[in-house]
Amino acid sequence: GALLCFGVVVAPALFRALSPVEAGLVVRQVIPVLDVYGMGAAVALLGLMAREGRDRRGWIARGLVAGMGAFAALSFLAITPRMEALRAEANGRISDLPATDPKRQEFGRLHGASSAASAGVLVLGLAALALPPRSRQHP
């Protein structure tokens, strides 16, 4: 829910109301928190799912949740740090670089990867929630 709200409502509003540099300052504070939340939620859910059956549904659910955590970790450990390094190399002003600048182009690709990773977290989490509940057999 937080990812959806941030991506659809908050981030676009920030970039409409603030300069790209100011909006970026806020976004850079929020994305890592959402990534840590995604990783933590995946670990917690996998712990809770440890008692799930070894049937197909259980394996699918665990795979979806593990994938969710992996996308959050990819964003937190690889994509965001590289974006921060590029931003530092541009003195915090990626948007001031010419569109042909390799740093700006790489930043754009990484921004797309970050968005895709966040979408992956959201979709896999929703898919795990949408799985039908495991049938319980009564003795």
C-alpha atoms as a PDB file:
ATOM      1  CA  GLY A   1       0.000   0.000   0.000  1.00  0.00           C
ATOM      2  CA  ALA A   2       2.776   2.404   0.884  1.00  0.00           C
ATOM      3  CA  LEU A   3       4.554   1.742  -2.417  1.00  0.00           C
ATOM      4  CA  LEU A   4       1.402   2.319  -4.413  1.00  0.00           C
ATOM      5  CA  CYS A   5       0.524   5.525  -2.569  1.00  0.00           C
ATOM      6  CA  PHE A   6       4.055   6.858  -2.825  1.00  0.00           C
ATOM      7  CA  GLY A   7       4.494   6.023  -6.490  1.00  0.00           C
ATOM      8  CA  VAL A   8       1.078   7.149  -7.688  1.00  0.00           C
ATOM      9  CA  VAL A   9       0.270  10.061  -5.379  1.00  0.00           C
ATOM     10  CA  VAL A  10       3.203  11.393  -3.334  1.00  0.00           C
ATOM     11  CA  ALA A  11       6.168  11.336  -5.743  1.00  0.00           C
ATOM     12  CA  PRO A  12       4.281  12.950  -8.651  1.00  0.00           C
ATOM     13  CA  ALA A  13       2.951  15.641  -6.283  1.00  0.00           C
ATOM     14  CA  LEU A  14       6.464  16.350  -5.022  1.00  0.00           C
ATOM     15  CA  PHE A  15       7.796  16.807  -8.544  1.00  0.00           C
ATOM     16  CA  ARG A  16       4.865  19.094  -9.447  1.00  0.00           C
ATOM     17  CA  ALA A  17       5.217  21.258  -6.341  1.00  0.00           C
ATOM     18  CA  LEU A  18       8.995  21.384  -5.910  1.00  0.00           C
ATOM     19  CA  SER A  19      12.082  21.753  -8.050  1.00  0.00           C
ATOM     20  CA  PRO A  20      13.597  18.471  -9.262  1.00  0.00           C
ATOM     21  CA  VAL A  21      16.442  18.867  -6.754  1.00  0.00           C
ATOM     22  CA  GLU A  22      14.078  19.504  -3.811  1.00  0.00           C
ATOM     23  CA  ALA A  23      11.701  16.692  -4.776  1.00  0.00           C
ATOM     24  CA  GLY A  24      14.678  14.379  -5.217  1.00  0.00           C
ATOM     25  CA  LEU A  25      15.828  15.192  -1.682  1.00  0.00           C
ATOM     26  CA  VAL A  26      12.511  13.959  -0.303  1.00  0.00           C
ATOM     27  CA  VAL A  27      12.318  10.901  -2.553  1.00  0.00           C
ATOM     28  CA  ARG A  28      15.865   9.911  -1.547  1.00  0.00           C
ATOM     29  CA  GLN A  29      14.721   9.828   2.064  1.00  0.00           C
ATOM     30  CA  VAL A  30      11.627   7.711   1.405  1.00  0.00           C
ATOM     31  CA  ILE A  31      12.768   5.045  -1.088  1.00  0.00           C
ATOM     32  CA  PRO A  32      15.337   3.391   1.207  1.00  0.00           C
ATOM     33  CA  VAL A  33      12.754   3.254   4.008  1.00  0.00           C
ATOM     34  CA  LEU A  34      10.274   1.537   1.692  1.00  0.00           C
ATOM     35  CA  ASP A  35      13.011  -0.878   0.583  1.00  0.00           C
ATOM     36  CA  VAL A  36      13.896  -1.764   4.183  1.00  0.00           C
ATOM     37  CA  TYR A  37      10.211  -2.241   4.910  1.00  0.00           C
ATOM     38  CA  GLY A  38       9.909  -4.559   1.890  1.00  0.00           C
ATOM     39  CA  MET A  39      12.924  -6.615   2.967  1.00  0.00           C
ATOM     40  CA  GLY A  40      11.697  -6.786   6.554  1.00  0.00           C
ATOM     41  CA  ALA A  41       8.181  -7.735   5.506  1.00  0.00           C
ATOM     42  CA  ALA A  42       9.560 -10.506   3.300  1.00  0.00           C
ATOM     43  CA  VAL A  43      11.689 -11.923   6.112  1.00  0.00           C
ATOM     44  CA  ALA A  44       8.801 -11.741   8.583  1.00  0.00           C
ATOM     45  CA  LEU A  45       6.362 -13.338   6.159  1.00  0.00           C
ATOM     46  CA  LEU A  46       8.794 -16.092   5.242  1.00  0.00           C
ATOM     47  CA  GLY A  47       9.208 -16.793   8.947  1.00  0.00           C
ATOM     48  CA  LEU A  48       5.464 -17.005   9.383  1.00  0.00           C
ATOM     49  CA  MET A  49       5.173 -19.193   6.315  1.00  0.00           C
ATOM     50  CA  ALA A  50       7.721 -21.692   7.579  1.00  0.00           C
ATOM     51  CA  ARG A  51       4.854 -23.796   8.894  1.00  0.00           C
ATOM     52  CA  GLU A  52       3.029 -23.689   5.573  1.00  0.00           C
ATOM     53  CA  GLY A  53       2.631 -26.996   3.887  1.00  0.00           C
ATOM     54  CA  ARG A  54       5.086 -28.275   1.353  1.00  0.00           C
ATOM     55  CA  ASP A  55       2.354 -28.349  -1.255  1.00  0.00           C
ATOM     56  CA  ARG A  56       2.405 -26.366  -4.472  1.00  0.00           C
ATOM     57  CA  ARG A  57       0.537 -23.403  -2.989  1.00  0.00           C
ATOM     58  CA  GLY A  58       3.012 -23.094  -0.122  1.00  0.00           C
ATOM     59  CA  TRP A  59       5.990 -23.128  -2.470  1.00  0.00           C
ATOM     60  CA  ILE A  60       4.386 -20.543  -4.748  1.00  0.00           C
ATOM     61  CA  ALA A  61       3.565 -18.253  -1.834  1.00  0.00           C
ATOM     62  CA  ARG A  62       7.091 -18.496  -0.425  1.00  0.00           C
ATOM     63  CA  GLY A  63       8.557 -17.879  -3.885  1.00  0.00           C
ATOM     64  CA  LEU A  64       6.457 -14.761  -4.380  1.00  0.00           C
ATOM     65  CA  VAL A  65       7.433 -13.378  -0.977  1.00  0.00           C
ATOM     66  CA  ALA A  66      11.113 -14.232  -1.507  1.00  0.00           C
ATOM     67  CA  GLY A  67      10.985 -12.465  -4.867  1.00  0.00           C
ATOM     68  CA  MET A  68       9.416  -9.448  -3.200  1.00  0.00           C
ATOM     69  CA  GLY A  69      12.295  -9.307  -0.730  1.00  0.00           C
ATOM     70  CA  ALA A  70      14.854  -9.793  -3.497  1.00  0.00           C
ATOM     71  CA  PHE A  71      13.508  -6.836  -5.487  1.00  0.00           C
ATOM     72  CA  ALA A  72      13.589  -4.638  -2.376  1.00  0.00           C
ATOM     73  CA  ALA A  73      17.155  -5.766  -1.627  1.00  0.00           C
ATOM     74  CA  LEU A  74      18.236  -5.107  -5.219  1.00  0.00           C
ATOM     75  CA  SER A  75      16.916  -1.569  -4.969  1.00  0.00           C
ATOM     76  CA  PHE A  76      18.415  -0.938  -1.533  1.00  0.00           C
ATOM     77  CA  LEU A  77      21.816  -2.580  -2.047  1.00  0.00           C
ATOM     78  CA  ALA A  78      22.592  -1.956  -5.721  1.00  0.00           C
ATOM     79  CA  ILE A  79      20.350   0.510  -7.546  1.00  0.00           C
ATOM     80  CA  THR A  80      19.976   3.292  -4.978  1.00  0.00           C
ATOM     81  CA  PRO A  81      23.678   3.410  -4.001  1.00  0.00           C
ATOM     82  CA  ARG A  82      24.697   3.715  -7.659  1.00  0.00           C
ATOM     83  CA  MET A  83      22.129   6.475  -8.200  1.00  0.00           C
ATOM     84  CA  GLU A  84      23.531   8.293  -5.166  1.00  0.00           C
ATOM     85  CA  ALA A  85      27.078   7.961  -6.515  1.00  0.00           C
ATOM     86  CA  LEU A  86      26.024   9.430  -9.855  1.00  0.00           C
ATOM     87  CA  ARG A  87      24.196  12.249  -8.093  1.00  0.00           C
ATOM     88  CA  ALA A  88      27.320  13.024  -6.054  1.00  0.00           C
ATOM     89  CA  GLU A  89      29.445  13.041  -9.222  1.00  0.00           C
ATOM     90  CA  ALA A  90      27.001  15.615 -10.659  1.00  0.00           C
ATOM     91  CA  ASN A  91      27.140  17.738  -7.495  1.00  0.00           C
ATOM     92  CA  GLY A  92      23.554  16.796  -6.679  1.00  0.00           C
ATOM     93  CA  ARG A  93      22.133  18.195  -9.900  1.00  0.00           C
ATOM     94  CA  ILE A  94      21.533  15.340 -12.337  1.00  0.00           C
ATOM     95  CA  SER A  95      18.721  17.315 -13.991  1.00  0.00           C
ATOM     96  CA  ASP A  96      21.184  20.090 -14.912  1.00  0.00           C
ATOM     97  CA  LEU A  97      23.347  17.735 -16.977  1.00  0.00           C
ATOM     98  CA  PRO A  98      22.760  17.635 -20.740  1.00  0.00           C
ATOM     99  CA  ALA A  99      20.498  14.807 -21.885  1.00  0.00           C
ATOM    100  CA  THR A 100      23.469  13.306 -23.754  1.00  0.00           C
ATOM    101  CA  ASP A 101      25.690  13.141 -20.661  1.00  0.00           C
ATOM    102  CA  PRO A 102      26.541   9.502 -19.826  1.00  0.00           C
ATOM    103  CA  LYS A 103      25.917  10.106 -16.107  1.00  0.00           C
ATOM    104  CA  ARG A 104      22.447  11.453 -16.773  1.00  0.00           C
ATOM    105  CA  GLN A 105      21.699   8.578 -19.145  1.00  0.00           C
ATOM    106  CA  GLU A 106      22.852   5.972 -16.629  1.00  0.00           C
ATOM    107  CA  PHE A 107      20.840   7.713 -13.926  1.00  0.00           C
ATOM    108  CA  GLY A 108      17.778   7.520 -16.169  1.00  0.00           C
ATOM    109  CA  ARG A 109      18.285   3.791 -16.718  1.00  0.00           C
ATOM    110  CA  LEU A 110      18.736   3.257 -12.991  1.00  0.00           C
ATOM    111  CA  HIS A 111      15.606   5.292 -12.281  1.00  0.00           C
ATOM    112  CA  GLY A 112      13.719   2.940 -14.576  1.00  0.00           C
ATOM    113  CA  ALA A 113      15.260  -0.073 -12.822  1.00  0.00           C
ATOM    114  CA  SER A 114      14.285   1.403  -9.453  1.00  0.00           C
ATOM    115  CA  SER A 115      10.712   1.886 -10.612  1.00  0.00           C
ATOM    116  CA  ALA A 116      10.641  -1.668 -11.987  1.00  0.00           C
ATOM    117  CA  ALA A 117      12.011  -3.076  -8.717  1.00  0.00           C
ATOM    118  CA  SER A 118       9.350  -1.210  -6.733  1.00  0.00           C
ATOM    119  CA  ALA A 119       6.673  -2.472  -9.102  1.00  0.00           C
ATOM    120  CA  GLY A 120       8.057  -5.981  -8.631  1.00  0.00           C
ATOM    121  CA  VAL A 121       7.766  -5.682  -4.858  1.00  0.00           C
ATOM    122  CA  LEU A 122       4.191  -4.459  -5.203  1.00  0.00           C
ATOM    123  CA  VAL A 123       3.056  -7.040  -7.761  1.00  0.00           C
ATOM    124  CA  LEU A 124       4.654 -10.022  -6.028  1.00  0.00           C
ATOM    125  CA  GLY A 125       3.280  -8.935  -2.660  1.00  0.00           C
ATOM    126  CA  LEU A 126      -0.206  -8.550  -4.094  1.00  0.00           C
ATOM    127  CA  ALA A 127       0.072 -11.897  -5.889  1.00  0.00           C
ATOM    128  CA  ALA A 128       1.034 -13.596  -2.618  1.00  0.00           C
ATOM    129  CA  LEU A 129      -1.975 -12.020  -0.919  1.00  0.00           C
ATOM    130  CA  ALA A 130      -4.266 -13.058  -3.778  1.00  0.00           C
ATOM    131  CA  LEU A 131      -3.447 -16.749  -3.474  1.00  0.00           C
ATOM    132  CA  PRO A 132      -6.433 -18.708  -2.222  1.00  0.00           C
ATOM    133  CA  PRO A 133      -6.103 -19.703   1.414  1.00  0.00           C
ATOM    134  CA  ARG A 134      -4.755 -23.127   2.140  1.00  0.00           C
ATOM    135  CA  SER A 135      -7.558 -25.563   2.773  1.00  0.00           C
ATOM    136  CA  ARG A 136      -7.569 -26.874   6.293  1.00  0.00           C
ATOM    137  CA  GLN A 137      -8.511 -30.430   6.903  1.00  0.00           C
ATOM    138  CA  HIS A 138     -10.405 -31.078  10.087  1.00  0.00           C
ATOM    139  CA  PRO A 139      -9.762 -34.347  11.969  1.00  0.00           C
END
